[in-house]
Amino acid sequence: MSMHSNMSTDRAAGMPHDLYGRSTAQKKHDAGSYVWLAYSIFFFIEPIFRHSMKYWLQQAAVYVVFLAMYVAYVEYCDTTPRRWLVGGMFLLGVASIPFNMGGSCFFIYVSALLPFCVGSTRILVGVMLMEVATLATESYLTHNNPVNYAITGFFAIVVGVSNLFVAQGKRAEAKLRAAQEENAQLATVAERERIARDLHDVLGHTLSVIVLKAELAGRLMGRDDKRAAAEIADVESTARTALAEVREAIGGYRAKGLRAELDQARMTLDAAGVSLVCESRPPQLKAREETVLSLAVREAVTNIVRHAHATTCTIHFATTTDGFCSVEVADDGPSPITREGNGLRGMRERVQELGGRFRIDASAGTRLVIEVPSQVGAA
């Protein structure tokens, strides 16, 4: 019972908001989060075989309490109320199992829901062990079939461990997304400051000169038309120079390139606790080739942070003997790429459109090699 699908996480607490991990702004009140109630049907197996209206009413009351807890868990965004609700489900299971073995499904719900509201692996493992111990104790005291309790304990551990890895992955993704957004904001602020400085330096003096020469030309008209015409010509020349300088400054803002991508990669990897080693200089390429390599580096770094569990990332630029510019991105993670996702597939297609080469080596970590024809641009 893996309760996740395209999850987005709570940026502040690093916890998913609902069973699908959607934030409050993204949350849609559809049936998605309630599909997993289908597993609670096991609670009604024993009442079906008992032809007692009193027993049915008692078990229906227990189920209504569970249902209220489940709905509250789905709708609450704060982690503290959720923890209390999960604790209530555990107590409900302890109280109901002696009278209805189907109440053991509440233990499985506890294992499934707890990883999404508790970040400590030690606490989660402790709760699962406590569930197993409780089941063993109740089996001994009630003299019921121990196989049923063993099956419940097994599934509680399997579901709990599975959702533990899911929740950890989503929390890591939330931290990465927050770091990327912070880096993007800092980069935007830095670029705005740089543009402000450049425009001030470029236009401050130039516009002052234009104003002075225009005023001088206005005073000379009618007295020295030849000199006034020369001053107007100077104004035109200075204005053209200023226009070219403004275009150059703004062009520097638009053309990020490989160097800027490496800086962004270093910040992203640092945020994820991965060290970056890059001892070679990026090549000078034309815009199209440089864009493809930049996107390749970005996608490779994103995959390393999300999936590789690596400690070191190595990026190396080189030129092949047959005239291709290559970039190699390698990591030492224990989780190599086993299949191409949409990102890698799109990267391969962009490289092949340029007549380049693309290969992945997953024998030791993941080594991604991209080679594009060497279309050298202006330095």
Protein backbone atom coordinates (compact mmCIF):
# COMPACT_ATOMS: atom_id res chain seq x y z
CA MET A 1 0.00 0.00 0.00
CA SER A 2 2.25 2.81 -1.29
CA MET A 3 0.44 6.09 -0.74
CA HIS A 4 2.09 8.43 -3.22
CA SER A 5 1.70 9.75 -6.76
CA ASN A 6 3.54 12.75 -8.24
CA MET A 7 4.17 14.11 -4.79
CA SER A 8 4.95 17.71 -3.95
CA THR A 9 6.02 18.40 -0.38
CA ASP A 10 5.51 20.83 2.46
CA ARG A 11 8.39 23.25 1.99
CA ALA A 12 8.56 24.26 5.62
CA ALA A 13 8.31 20.93 7.39
CA GLY A 14 9.47 18.70 4.53
CA MET A 15 6.36 16.56 4.92
CA PRO A 16 3.67 15.83 2.32
CA HIS A 17 0.37 17.57 3.02
CA ASP A 18 -1.89 14.72 1.96
CA LEU A 19 -1.40 11.07 1.09
CA TYR A 20 -0.34 12.12 -2.39
CA GLY A 21 2.04 14.77 -1.05
CA ARG A 22 0.16 17.71 -2.52
CA SER A 23 0.37 21.07 -0.84
CA THR A 24 -2.72 22.96 0.29
CA ALA A 25 -2.63 25.15 -2.82
CA GLN A 26 -2.43 22.10 -5.09
CA LYS A 27 -4.79 19.88 -3.13
CA LYS A 28 -7.89 18.75 -4.95
CA HIS A 29 -10.69 17.26 -2.88
CA ASP A 30 -11.13 14.22 -5.08
CA ALA A 31 -11.33 10.55 -4.18
CA GLY A 32 -7.61 9.95 -4.60
CA SER A 33 -6.63 10.01 -0.94
CA TYR A 34 -9.56 7.81 0.03
CA VAL A 35 -8.90 4.95 -2.39
CA TRP A 36 -6.76 3.28 0.26
CA LEU A 37 -9.80 2.84 2.50
CA ALA A 38 -10.51 -0.22 0.36
CA TYR A 39 -8.02 -2.14 2.52
CA SER A 40 -10.24 -1.62 5.56
CA ILE A 41 -12.72 -4.11 4.09
CA PHE A 42 -10.85 -6.80 6.04
CA PHE A 43 -12.34 -5.28 9.19
CA PHE A 44 -15.78 -6.59 8.14
CA ILE A 45 -14.81 -10.21 7.40
CA GLU A 46 -15.53 -11.44 10.92
CA PRO A 47 -18.82 -9.51 11.31
CA ILE A 48 -20.02 -11.09 8.05
CA PHE A 49 -19.76 -14.56 9.59
CA ARG A 50 -21.49 -13.48 12.81
CA HIS A 51 -25.23 -13.16 12.54
CA SER A 52 -25.57 -10.72 15.42
CA MET A 53 -27.06 -7.25 15.02
CA LYS A 54 -25.50 -6.13 18.33
CA TYR A 55 -22.06 -7.22 17.20
CA TRP A 56 -22.54 -5.47 13.87
CA LEU A 57 -23.49 -2.21 15.58
CA GLN A 58 -20.49 -2.42 17.90
CA GLN A 59 -18.06 -2.97 15.02
CA ALA A 60 -19.74 -0.27 12.93
CA ALA A 61 -19.15 2.20 15.77
CA VAL A 62 -15.46 1.22 15.89
CA TYR A 63 -15.17 1.67 12.13
CA VAL A 64 -16.84 5.10 12.26
CA VAL A 65 -14.20 6.19 14.77
CA PHE A 66 -11.43 4.93 12.47
CA LEU A 67 -13.04 6.61 9.48
CA ALA A 68 -13.20 9.94 11.32
CA MET A 69 -9.49 9.64 12.19
CA TYR A 70 -8.58 8.81 8.62
CA VAL A 71 -10.54 11.75 7.17
CA ALA A 72 -8.99 14.10 9.74
CA TYR A 73 -5.52 12.83 8.82
CA VAL A 74 -6.12 13.50 5.14
CA GLU A 75 -7.52 16.98 5.70
CA TYR A 76 -5.06 18.19 8.38
CA CYS A 77 -1.91 19.88 7.07
CA ASP A 78 -0.07 20.14 10.41
CA THR A 79 2.09 17.19 11.39
CA THR A 80 1.37 17.29 15.14
CA PRO A 81 -2.40 16.55 14.86
CA ARG A 82 -1.58 13.83 12.36
CA ARG A 83 0.73 12.11 14.83
CA TRP A 84 -2.02 12.08 17.45
CA LEU A 85 -4.45 10.66 14.90
CA VAL A 86 -2.04 7.86 13.97
CA GLY A 87 -1.58 7.14 17.67
CA GLY A 88 -5.37 6.92 18.00
CA MET A 89 -5.49 4.38 15.16
CA PHE A 90 -2.89 2.27 16.96
CA LEU A 91 -4.92 2.27 20.20
CA LEU A 92 -8.06 1.48 18.22
CA GLY A 93 -6.33 -1.55 16.75
CA VAL A 94 -5.14 -2.72 20.19
CA ALA A 95 -8.67 -2.43 21.58
CA SER A 96 -10.51 -4.03 18.67
CA ILE A 97 -8.30 -7.04 17.80
CA PRO A 98 -9.46 -9.19 20.76
CA PHE A 99 -13.05 -8.89 19.50
CA ASN A 100 -12.42 -8.65 15.76
CA MET A 101 -9.22 -9.93 14.14
CA GLY A 102 -9.94 -7.60 11.23
CA GLY A 103 -8.93 -4.72 13.50
CA SER A 104 -5.33 -5.69 12.71
CA CYS A 105 -5.67 -3.66 9.48
CA PHE A 106 -5.47 -0.55 11.68
CA PHE A 107 -1.86 -1.50 12.47
CA ILE A 108 -1.07 -1.55 8.76
CA TYR A 109 -2.61 1.90 8.36
CA VAL A 110 -0.41 3.12 11.21
CA SER A 111 2.72 1.81 9.44
CA ALA A 112 1.58 3.32 6.14
CA LEU A 113 0.70 6.79 7.43
CA LEU A 114 3.35 7.41 10.06
CA PRO A 115 6.33 7.96 7.67
CA PHE A 116 4.51 10.96 6.18
CA CYS A 117 4.26 12.78 9.50
CA VAL A 118 7.40 11.62 11.36
CA GLY A 119 10.86 12.30 10.00
CA SER A 120 12.89 10.19 12.44
CA THR A 121 13.78 6.73 11.13
CA ARG A 122 14.52 5.59 14.70
CA ILE A 123 10.98 6.48 15.83
CA LEU A 124 9.43 4.76 12.82
CA VAL A 125 11.40 1.56 13.40
CA GLY A 126 10.50 1.70 17.09
CA VAL A 127 6.79 2.02 16.31
CA MET A 128 6.89 -0.93 13.90
CA LEU A 129 8.67 -3.08 16.48
CA MET A 130 6.10 -2.01 19.06
CA GLU A 131 3.32 -3.09 16.70
CA VAL A 132 4.92 -6.51 16.26
CA ALA A 133 5.38 -6.87 20.02
CA THR A 134 1.76 -5.85 20.63
CA LEU A 135 0.51 -8.39 18.09
CA ALA A 136 2.62 -11.12 19.69
CA THR A 137 1.30 -10.23 23.15
CA GLU A 138 -2.33 -10.19 22.02
CA SER A 139 -1.85 -13.52 20.23
CA TYR A 140 -0.55 -15.04 23.44
CA LEU A 141 -3.30 -13.58 25.64
CA THR A 142 -6.25 -14.28 23.33
CA HIS A 143 -5.04 -17.75 22.18
CA ASN A 144 -6.10 -16.89 18.63
CA ASN A 145 -4.41 -18.31 15.56
CA PRO A 146 -0.84 -16.90 15.69
CA VAL A 147 -0.52 -17.14 11.89
CA ASN A 148 -3.00 -14.27 11.47
CA TYR A 149 -0.98 -12.09 13.81
CA ALA A 150 2.27 -13.01 12.07
CA ILE A 151 0.82 -12.08 8.67
CA THR A 152 -0.37 -8.73 10.03
CA GLY A 153 3.07 -8.00 11.54
CA PHE A 154 4.79 -8.92 8.28
CA PHE A 155 2.63 -6.61 6.17
CA ALA A 156 2.92 -3.80 8.73
CA ILE A 157 6.72 -3.94 8.43
CA VAL A 158 6.70 -4.21 4.63
CA VAL A 159 4.29 -1.30 4.18
CA GLY A 160 6.05 0.81 6.80
CA VAL A 161 9.53 0.32 5.30
CA SER A 162 8.21 0.94 1.78
CA ASN A 163 6.52 4.21 2.70
CA LEU A 164 9.53 5.20 4.81
CA PHE A 165 11.69 5.24 1.67
CA VAL A 166 8.95 7.08 -0.24
CA ALA A 167 8.67 9.78 2.45
CA GLN A 168 12.46 10.17 2.70
CA GLY A 169 12.68 10.61 -1.05
CA LYS A 170 9.98 13.27 -1.02
CA ARG A 171 11.62 15.13 1.85
CA ALA A 172 14.94 15.12 -0.04
CA GLU A 173 13.14 16.36 -3.14
CA ALA A 174 11.52 19.14 -1.10
CA LYS A 175 14.91 20.25 0.24
CA LEU A 176 16.38 20.18 -3.24
CA ARG A 177 13.49 22.20 -4.66
CA ALA A 178 13.77 24.75 -1.85
CA ALA A 179 17.53 25.05 -2.40
CA GLN A 180 17.06 25.46 -6.15
CA GLU A 181 14.40 28.12 -5.66
CA GLU A 182 16.61 29.96 -3.18
CA ASN A 183 19.57 29.74 -5.55
CA ALA A 184 17.41 31.02 -8.41
CA GLN A 185 16.20 33.93 -6.29
CA LEU A 186 19.73 34.80 -5.22
CA ALA A 187 20.93 34.54 -8.81
CA THR A 188 18.09 36.78 -9.99
CA VAL A 189 18.89 39.39 -7.34
CA ALA A 190 22.59 39.24 -8.23
CA GLU A 191 21.80 39.66 -11.94
CA ARG A 192 19.54 42.63 -11.25
CA GLU A 193 22.25 44.25 -9.18
CA ARG A 194 24.81 43.56 -11.90
CA ILE A 195 22.57 45.02 -14.59
CA ALA A 196 21.88 48.06 -12.42
CA ARG A 197 25.62 48.58 -11.92
CA ASP A 198 26.38 48.02 -15.60
CA LEU A 199 23.65 50.35 -16.80
CA HIS A 200 24.72 52.98 -14.30
CA ASP A 201 28.35 52.71 -15.40
CA VAL A 202 27.46 52.57 -19.09
CA LEU A 203 24.75 55.22 -19.23
CA GLY A 204 25.58 57.53 -16.34
CA HIS A 205 28.56 59.25 -17.94
CA THR A 206 27.34 58.82 -21.53
CA LEU A 207 23.95 60.44 -20.95
CA SER A 208 25.60 63.32 -19.10
CA VAL A 209 27.85 63.93 -22.11
CA ILE A 210 24.85 63.79 -24.48
CA VAL A 211 22.92 66.32 -22.36
CA LEU A 212 25.87 68.73 -22.21
CA LYS A 213 26.58 68.50 -25.95
CA ALA A 214 22.89 68.93 -26.82
CA GLU A 215 22.69 72.04 -24.61
CA LEU A 216 25.89 73.39 -26.19
CA ALA A 217 24.57 72.74 -29.71
CA GLY A 218 21.34 74.55 -28.81
CA ARG A 219 23.28 77.63 -27.63
CA LEU A 220 25.50 77.62 -30.75
CA MET A 221 22.62 77.51 -33.25
CA GLY A 222 22.34 80.82 -35.04
CA ARG A 223 25.78 81.93 -33.86
CA ASP A 224 28.10 79.12 -35.02
CA ASP A 225 26.06 76.64 -37.07
CA LYS A 226 29.14 74.70 -38.20
CA ARG A 227 30.24 73.97 -34.65
CA ALA A 228 26.63 73.24 -33.60
CA ALA A 229 26.42 70.64 -36.39
CA ALA A 230 29.66 69.06 -35.15
CA GLU A 231 28.26 68.88 -31.64
CA ILE A 232 25.06 67.23 -32.91
CA ALA A 233 27.18 64.70 -34.82
CA ASP A 234 29.02 63.95 -31.58
CA VAL A 235 25.68 63.47 -29.83
CA GLU A 236 24.61 60.95 -32.49
CA SER A 237 27.91 59.06 -32.25
CA THR A 238 27.81 58.97 -28.44
CA ALA A 239 24.18 57.77 -28.46
CA ARG A 240 25.03 54.93 -30.88
CA THR A 241 27.92 53.88 -28.66
CA ALA A 242 25.67 53.92 -25.60
CA LEU A 243 23.07 51.79 -27.43
CA ALA A 244 25.71 49.21 -28.31
CA GLU A 245 26.95 49.12 -24.71
CA VAL A 246 23.41 48.65 -23.38
CA ARG A 247 22.85 45.76 -25.80
CA GLU A 248 26.12 44.21 -24.67
CA ALA A 249 25.15 44.52 -20.99
CA ILE A 250 21.73 42.98 -21.55
CA GLY A 251 23.26 40.28 -23.75
CA GLY A 252 25.45 39.30 -20.84
CA TYR A 253 22.28 38.78 -18.80
CA ARG A 254 20.66 36.54 -21.40
CA ALA A 255 23.65 34.37 -22.35
CA LYS A 256 24.23 32.19 -19.30
CA GLY A 257 26.37 29.44 -20.83
CA LEU A 258 28.31 26.55 -19.39
CA ARG A 259 30.18 28.58 -16.79
CA ALA A 260 26.96 29.84 -15.23
CA GLU A 261 25.54 26.30 -15.36
CA LEU A 262 28.59 24.99 -13.50
CA ASP A 263 28.14 27.63 -10.81
CA GLN A 264 24.49 26.62 -10.47
CA ALA A 265 25.47 22.94 -10.37
CA ARG A 266 27.96 23.61 -7.58
CA MET A 267 25.34 25.40 -5.47
CA THR A 268 22.78 22.64 -6.08
CA LEU A 269 25.21 19.85 -5.23
CA ASP A 270 26.47 21.70 -2.14
CA ALA A 271 22.88 21.98 -0.92
CA ALA A 272 22.52 18.20 -1.29
CA GLY A 273 25.85 17.43 0.44
CA VAL A 274 27.61 16.33 -2.78
CA SER A 275 31.07 17.69 -3.59
CA LEU A 276 31.79 18.80 -7.16
CA VAL A 277 35.14 18.17 -8.84
CA CYS A 278 35.75 20.00 -12.13
CA GLU A 279 39.38 20.57 -13.09
CA SER A 280 38.89 21.34 -16.80
CA ARG A 281 37.67 24.52 -18.47
CA PRO A 282 34.40 24.61 -20.43
CA PRO A 283 34.97 24.87 -24.20
CA GLN A 284 34.05 27.89 -26.29
CA LEU A 285 31.11 26.81 -28.45
CA LYS A 286 28.40 28.35 -30.54
CA ALA A 287 25.13 29.12 -28.80
CA ARG A 288 23.22 26.01 -29.91
CA GLU A 289 25.91 23.51 -28.92
CA GLU A 290 26.61 25.30 -25.64
CA THR A 291 22.89 25.28 -24.79
CA VAL A 292 22.66 21.51 -25.34
CA LEU A 293 25.70 20.85 -23.12
CA SER A 294 24.36 23.23 -20.46
CA LEU A 295 21.00 21.43 -20.38
CA ALA A 296 22.81 18.09 -20.25
CA VAL A 297 24.85 19.18 -17.22
CA ARG A 298 21.70 20.48 -15.52
CA GLU A 299 19.76 17.24 -16.08
CA ALA A 300 22.70 15.07 -14.98
CA VAL A 301 23.17 17.05 -11.76
CA THR A 302 19.44 16.89 -11.02
CA ASN A 303 19.47 13.11 -11.45
CA ILE A 304 22.49 12.78 -9.16
CA VAL A 305 20.83 14.77 -6.39
CA ARG A 306 17.48 13.01 -6.68
CA HIS A 307 18.46 9.41 -7.29
CA ALA A 308 22.17 8.60 -6.99
CA HIS A 309 22.76 9.06 -3.22
CA ALA A 310 26.30 10.07 -4.19
CA THR A 311 28.99 11.91 -2.23
CA THR A 312 31.08 13.15 -5.18
CA CYS A 313 30.25 14.38 -8.67
CA THR A 314 32.97 14.79 -11.30
CA ILE A 315 32.55 16.92 -14.43
CA HIS A 316 35.23 16.82 -17.12
CA PHE A 317 35.41 18.69 -20.43
CA ALA A 318 37.61 17.44 -23.28
CA THR A 319 38.03 17.31 -27.05
CA THR A 320 37.98 13.93 -28.79
CA THR A 321 40.44 12.87 -31.48
CA ASP A 322 37.72 13.16 -34.14
CA GLY A 323 36.90 16.77 -33.27
CA PHE A 324 33.97 16.47 -30.87
CA CYS A 325 33.64 18.48 -27.67
CA SER A 326 32.68 16.18 -24.81
CA VAL A 327 31.44 16.58 -21.27
CA GLU A 328 31.54 13.69 -18.82
CA VAL A 329 29.43 13.77 -15.65
CA ALA A 330 30.12 10.94 -13.21
CA ASP A 331 29.05 10.13 -9.66
CA ASP A 332 30.01 7.55 -7.05
CA GLY A 333 26.46 6.80 -5.96
CA PRO A 334 25.26 3.26 -5.18
CA SER A 335 22.08 3.76 -7.23
CA PRO A 336 23.11 3.86 -10.91
CA ILE A 337 20.66 4.66 -13.69
CA THR A 338 18.93 1.51 -14.89
CA ARG A 339 16.60 3.07 -17.46
CA GLU A 340 16.18 6.37 -19.26
CA GLY A 341 13.47 8.68 -18.01
CA ASN A 342 11.97 11.59 -19.90
CA GLY A 343 14.85 13.89 -18.98
CA LEU A 344 17.60 11.60 -20.28
CA ARG A 345 15.55 10.70 -23.34
CA GLY A 346 15.09 14.38 -24.19
CA MET A 347 18.80 14.95 -23.64
CA ARG A 348 19.69 12.11 -26.03
CA GLU A 349 17.35 13.49 -28.69
CA ARG A 350 18.83 17.00 -28.45
CA VAL A 351 22.37 15.62 -28.75
CA GLN A 352 21.48 13.43 -31.71
CA GLU A 353 19.82 16.37 -33.49
CA LEU A 354 23.23 18.05 -33.49
CA GLY A 355 24.87 14.91 -34.84
CA GLY A 356 26.42 14.20 -31.46
CA ARG A 357 26.88 11.09 -29.37
CA PHE A 358 25.32 10.11 -26.04
CA ARG A 359 26.11 7.17 -23.79
CA ILE A 360 25.59 6.00 -20.21
CA ASP A 361 27.88 3.71 -18.23
CA ALA A 362 26.33 2.35 -15.02
CA SER A 363 29.01 -0.21 -14.13
CA ALA A 364 30.35 1.84 -11.19
CA GLY A 365 28.04 4.65 -10.19
CA THR A 366 26.75 6.48 -13.25
CA ARG A 367 28.94 8.00 -15.96
CA LEU A 368 27.19 10.16 -18.54
CA VAL A 369 29.15 11.17 -21.67
CA ILE A 370 27.83 13.71 -24.17
CA GLU A 371 29.78 14.62 -27.32
CA VAL A 372 28.75 17.33 -29.78
CA PRO A 373 30.46 18.54 -32.95
CA SER A 374 33.00 21.24 -32.16
CA GLN A 375 31.32 24.38 -33.53
CA VAL A 376 33.61 26.96 -31.95
CA GLY A 377 32.14 30.32 -31.09
CA ALA A 378 33.72 33.71 -30.46
CA ALA A 379 35.74 33.94 -27.26
